[in-house]
Amino acid sequence: MTPRSGARERLLGAAETLFADQGVAATPVDQVLARAGVAPATLYAHFGSKAGLQAAVLDARLARWDAAWAAAVDAAPDDRGRLLAVFDALDTFARGGAPSRWCTFLATAAGAPADDATAAAAIAADTELLRSRLTELAGPVAGDGAAELAEHLLVVVSGTLAMRLRPGPTPPSPAAAPPPRPWCPASSRPRWGGRPRRARWRAGRPG
């Protein structure tokens, strides 16, 4: 690693830690520079601006998360395990020292103005990764209902991350739950012939 590339990595590491601890808006550039031990010109040469540095931090984190999740999928023994490997990957990623109390991408989106292009691009990229991979992995489990099941799991993943902010014991990973019943998409679930269940029961009563 050259001194120039070493400075870039120090800036990324310093910014990721400080942004996670304090938030982007509350972290001045001078604090990032002091922690990384570099001059202002080095930051602007590598990233152009504070927003450019933030975007690079988020891109690097997404790449690490992608790799951690892919490794968990590869280690899973069967289709169900590969689908639920996202929860094992979340635990592994958190234990790996990645600085964040819950989800960096959701936290970035929540703390940024609605028109913040950097935050919008980051949450869009993370969401697309989650949605597309969950849909792909749900295929062998749910067949035609893969996309619907993926949306349900995306909600569970988001809730699992949010629960890390709440006090109390750590909730068990959904991956450790008993095997579910076979997935049945909403479009193929049995209906009551267009009439509410209670109405059918009353209609069948004598008298």
Protein backbone atom coordinates (compact mmCIF):
# COMPACT_ATOMS: atom_id res chain seq x y z
CA MET A 1 0.00 0.00 0.00
CA THR A 2 1.44 3.38 -1.03
CA PRO A 3 1.35 6.35 1.35
CA ARG A 4 -1.27 7.93 -0.93
CA SER A 5 -3.57 4.90 -0.83
CA GLY A 6 -2.89 4.54 2.89
CA ALA A 7 -4.16 8.08 3.46
CA ARG A 8 -7.31 7.28 1.53
CA GLU A 9 -8.00 4.21 3.67
CA ARG A 10 -7.35 6.18 6.86
CA LEU A 11 -9.83 8.81 5.75
CA LEU A 12 -12.46 6.17 4.99
CA GLY A 13 -11.93 4.47 8.35
CA ALA A 14 -11.98 7.72 10.31
CA ALA A 15 -15.07 8.99 8.52
CA GLU A 16 -16.98 5.72 8.90
CA THR A 17 -16.36 5.61 12.66
CA LEU A 18 -17.16 9.27 13.26
CA PHE A 19 -20.21 9.30 11.01
CA ALA A 20 -21.58 6.24 12.83
CA ASP A 21 -20.90 7.71 16.28
CA GLN A 22 -22.00 11.29 15.71
CA GLY A 23 -23.88 11.48 12.43
CA VAL A 24 -22.64 13.06 9.24
CA ALA A 25 -24.05 16.52 9.89
CA ALA A 26 -22.51 16.69 13.37
CA THR A 27 -19.04 15.61 12.21
CA PRO A 28 -16.86 18.48 10.95
CA VAL A 29 -14.28 17.78 8.28
CA ASP A 30 -11.52 18.94 10.62
CA GLN A 31 -12.36 16.11 13.02
CA VAL A 32 -12.09 13.53 10.25
CA LEU A 33 -8.77 15.00 9.15
CA ALA A 34 -7.40 14.95 12.69
CA ARG A 35 -8.41 11.34 13.26
CA ALA A 36 -6.97 10.23 9.91
CA GLY A 37 -3.82 12.31 10.31
CA VAL A 38 -4.00 13.87 6.85
CA ALA A 39 -4.10 17.37 5.40
CA PRO A 40 -7.24 18.94 3.90
CA ALA A 41 -5.72 18.79 0.42
CA THR A 42 -5.50 15.00 0.68
CA LEU A 43 -9.21 14.64 1.43
CA TYR A 44 -10.22 16.88 -1.45
CA ALA A 45 -7.77 15.18 -3.83
CA HIS A 46 -9.33 11.76 -3.10
CA PHE A 47 -13.00 12.62 -2.61
CA GLY A 48 -13.61 16.18 -3.77
CA SER A 49 -15.85 17.10 -0.83
CA LYS A 50 -17.33 15.86 2.41
CA ALA A 51 -20.29 14.49 0.44
CA GLY A 52 -17.87 12.61 -1.80
CA LEU A 53 -16.19 11.13 1.26
CA GLN A 54 -19.55 10.07 2.68
CA ALA A 55 -20.51 8.42 -0.61
CA ALA A 56 -17.22 6.50 -0.69
CA VAL A 57 -17.72 5.35 2.91
CA LEU A 58 -21.19 4.06 2.08
CA ASP A 59 -20.01 2.36 -1.13
CA ALA A 60 -17.21 0.58 0.74
CA ARG A 61 -19.56 -0.53 3.49
CA LEU A 62 -22.07 -1.87 1.00
CA ALA A 63 -19.32 -3.87 -0.72
CA ARG A 64 -18.26 -5.39 2.61
CA TRP A 65 -21.87 -6.22 3.50
CA ASP A 66 -22.41 -7.78 0.07
CA ALA A 67 -19.34 -9.99 0.55
CA ALA A 68 -20.34 -11.02 4.10
CA TRP A 69 -23.84 -11.97 2.98
CA ALA A 70 -22.55 -13.90 -0.05
CA ALA A 71 -20.21 -15.86 2.22
CA ALA A 72 -23.09 -16.74 4.55
CA VAL A 73 -25.16 -17.92 1.58
CA ASP A 74 -22.28 -20.08 0.33
CA ALA A 75 -21.93 -21.68 3.77
CA ALA A 76 -25.65 -22.56 4.11
CA PRO A 77 -26.58 -26.24 3.70
CA ASP A 78 -29.87 -25.99 1.78
CA ASP A 79 -32.33 -23.67 0.05
CA ARG A 80 -34.02 -22.56 3.26
CA GLY A 81 -30.64 -21.93 4.89
CA ARG A 82 -29.48 -19.86 1.93
CA LEU A 83 -32.65 -17.76 2.08
CA LEU A 84 -32.29 -17.14 5.83
CA ALA A 85 -28.51 -16.65 5.66
CA VAL A 86 -29.14 -12.91 5.60
CA PHE A 87 -29.75 -13.04 9.36
CA ASP A 88 -26.54 -14.96 10.05
CA ALA A 89 -24.73 -12.42 7.87
CA LEU A 90 -26.17 -9.52 9.88
CA ASP A 91 -24.84 -11.04 13.10
CA THR A 92 -21.43 -11.80 11.58
CA PHE A 93 -21.17 -8.33 10.08
CA ALA A 94 -21.99 -6.70 13.42
CA ARG A 95 -19.44 -8.83 15.27
CA GLY A 96 -16.81 -7.94 12.69
CA GLY A 97 -16.32 -4.50 14.17
CA ALA A 98 -18.17 -2.52 11.51
CA PRO A 99 -19.09 0.68 13.39
CA SER A 100 -22.85 1.09 13.54
CA ARG A 101 -25.54 0.66 16.18
CA TRP A 102 -27.98 -0.76 13.64
CA CYS A 103 -28.13 -0.09 9.87
CA THR A 104 -25.82 2.55 8.42
CA PHE A 105 -27.99 2.96 5.32
CA LEU A 106 -31.28 3.40 7.18
CA ALA A 107 -29.57 5.71 9.67
CA THR A 108 -28.12 7.79 6.85
CA ALA A 109 -31.49 8.09 5.14
CA ALA A 110 -33.27 8.93 8.40
CA GLY A 111 -30.77 11.64 9.33
CA ALA A 112 -30.53 13.34 5.95
CA PRO A 113 -32.80 15.90 4.28
CA ALA A 114 -35.26 14.47 1.79
CA ASP A 115 -33.31 15.94 -1.13
CA ASP A 116 -29.90 14.56 -0.05
CA ALA A 117 -28.67 12.78 -3.17
CA THR A 118 -25.90 10.88 -1.38
CA ALA A 119 -28.26 9.39 1.21
CA ALA A 120 -30.88 8.60 -1.43
CA ALA A 121 -28.38 6.77 -3.61
CA ALA A 122 -27.04 4.78 -0.66
CA ILE A 123 -30.40 3.55 0.61
CA ALA A 124 -31.49 2.76 -2.95
CA ALA A 125 -28.39 0.63 -3.55
CA ASP A 126 -28.77 -1.23 -0.26
CA THR A 127 -32.48 -1.83 -0.87
CA GLU A 128 -31.86 -3.10 -4.38
CA LEU A 129 -29.22 -5.53 -3.12
CA LEU A 130 -31.54 -6.85 -0.42
CA ARG A 131 -34.61 -7.08 -2.63
CA SER A 132 -32.92 -8.69 -5.64
CA ARG A 133 -30.92 -11.26 -3.69
CA LEU A 134 -33.80 -12.20 -1.39
CA THR A 135 -36.03 -12.66 -4.43
CA GLU A 136 -33.42 -14.85 -6.12
CA LEU A 137 -32.90 -16.98 -3.00
CA ALA A 138 -36.64 -17.26 -2.37
CA GLY A 139 -37.19 -18.83 -5.79
CA PRO A 140 -36.39 -22.44 -4.81
CA VAL A 141 -38.44 -22.05 -1.62
CA ALA A 142 -41.51 -20.16 -2.82
CA GLY A 143 -41.64 -20.59 -6.59
CA ASP A 144 -44.00 -18.02 -8.10
CA GLY A 145 -44.35 -16.39 -4.68
CA ALA A 146 -40.64 -15.52 -4.48
CA ALA A 147 -41.08 -11.77 -4.90
CA GLU A 148 -43.84 -11.63 -2.28
CA LEU A 149 -41.82 -13.67 0.20
CA ALA A 150 -38.79 -11.46 -0.42
CA GLU A 151 -40.85 -8.38 0.46
CA HIS A 152 -41.94 -9.98 3.73
CA LEU A 153 -38.35 -10.86 4.57
CA LEU A 154 -37.20 -7.35 3.73
CA VAL A 155 -39.60 -6.09 6.41
CA VAL A 156 -38.24 -8.65 8.89
CA VAL A 157 -34.64 -7.69 8.10
CA SER A 158 -35.43 -4.01 8.66
CA GLY A 159 -37.22 -4.78 11.92
CA THR A 160 -34.36 -6.98 13.11
CA LEU A 161 -31.94 -4.10 12.58
CA ALA A 162 -34.23 -1.57 14.27
CA MET A 163 -34.61 -3.82 17.33
CA ARG A 164 -30.90 -3.36 17.99
CA LEU A 165 -31.69 0.18 19.11
CA ARG A 166 -34.14 -0.94 21.78
CA PRO A 167 -32.97 -1.77 25.31
CA GLY A 168 -33.28 -5.29 26.64
CA PRO A 169 -32.03 -8.71 25.65
CA THR A 170 -30.95 -9.30 22.10
CA PRO A 171 -33.83 -10.94 20.22
CA PRO A 172 -33.13 -14.36 18.69
CA SER A 173 -32.21 -14.47 15.04
CA PRO A 174 -35.15 -15.36 12.75
CA ALA A 175 -32.80 -17.87 11.12
CA ALA A 176 -33.01 -19.97 14.30
CA ALA A 177 -36.80 -20.30 14.13
CA PRO A 178 -38.41 -23.67 13.38
CA PRO A 179 -38.93 -24.44 9.69
CA PRO A 180 -42.02 -22.63 8.44
CA ARG A 181 -44.94 -24.21 6.65
CA PRO A 182 -44.61 -24.20 2.85
CA TRP A 183 -45.01 -20.69 1.51
CA CYS A 184 -48.35 -19.93 -0.08
CA PRO A 185 -48.54 -16.67 -2.06
CA ALA A 186 -51.49 -14.42 -1.28
CA SER A 187 -52.78 -14.80 -4.83
CA SER A 188 -53.23 -18.55 -4.37
CA ARG A 189 -54.60 -18.64 -0.81
CA PRO A 190 -58.11 -20.06 -0.48
CA ARG A 191 -60.95 -17.56 -0.39
CA TRP A 192 -64.52 -17.79 0.85
CA GLY A 193 -66.29 -17.48 -2.47
CA GLY A 194 -66.49 -13.69 -2.34
CA ARG A 195 -68.56 -13.77 0.87
CA PRO A 196 -67.15 -13.18 4.38
CA ARG A 197 -66.79 -16.31 6.47
CA ARG A 198 -69.36 -15.22 9.03
CA ALA A 199 -71.89 -14.45 6.30
CA ARG A 200 -71.50 -17.94 4.82
CA TRP A 201 -71.97 -19.54 8.23
CA ARG A 202 -75.15 -17.56 8.83
CA ALA A 203 -76.43 -18.31 5.38
CA GLY A 204 -76.14 -22.02 6.12
CA ARG A 205 -78.07 -21.94 9.40
CA PRO A 206 -81.52 -23.52 9.44
CA GLY A 207 -84.52 -21.24 9.68
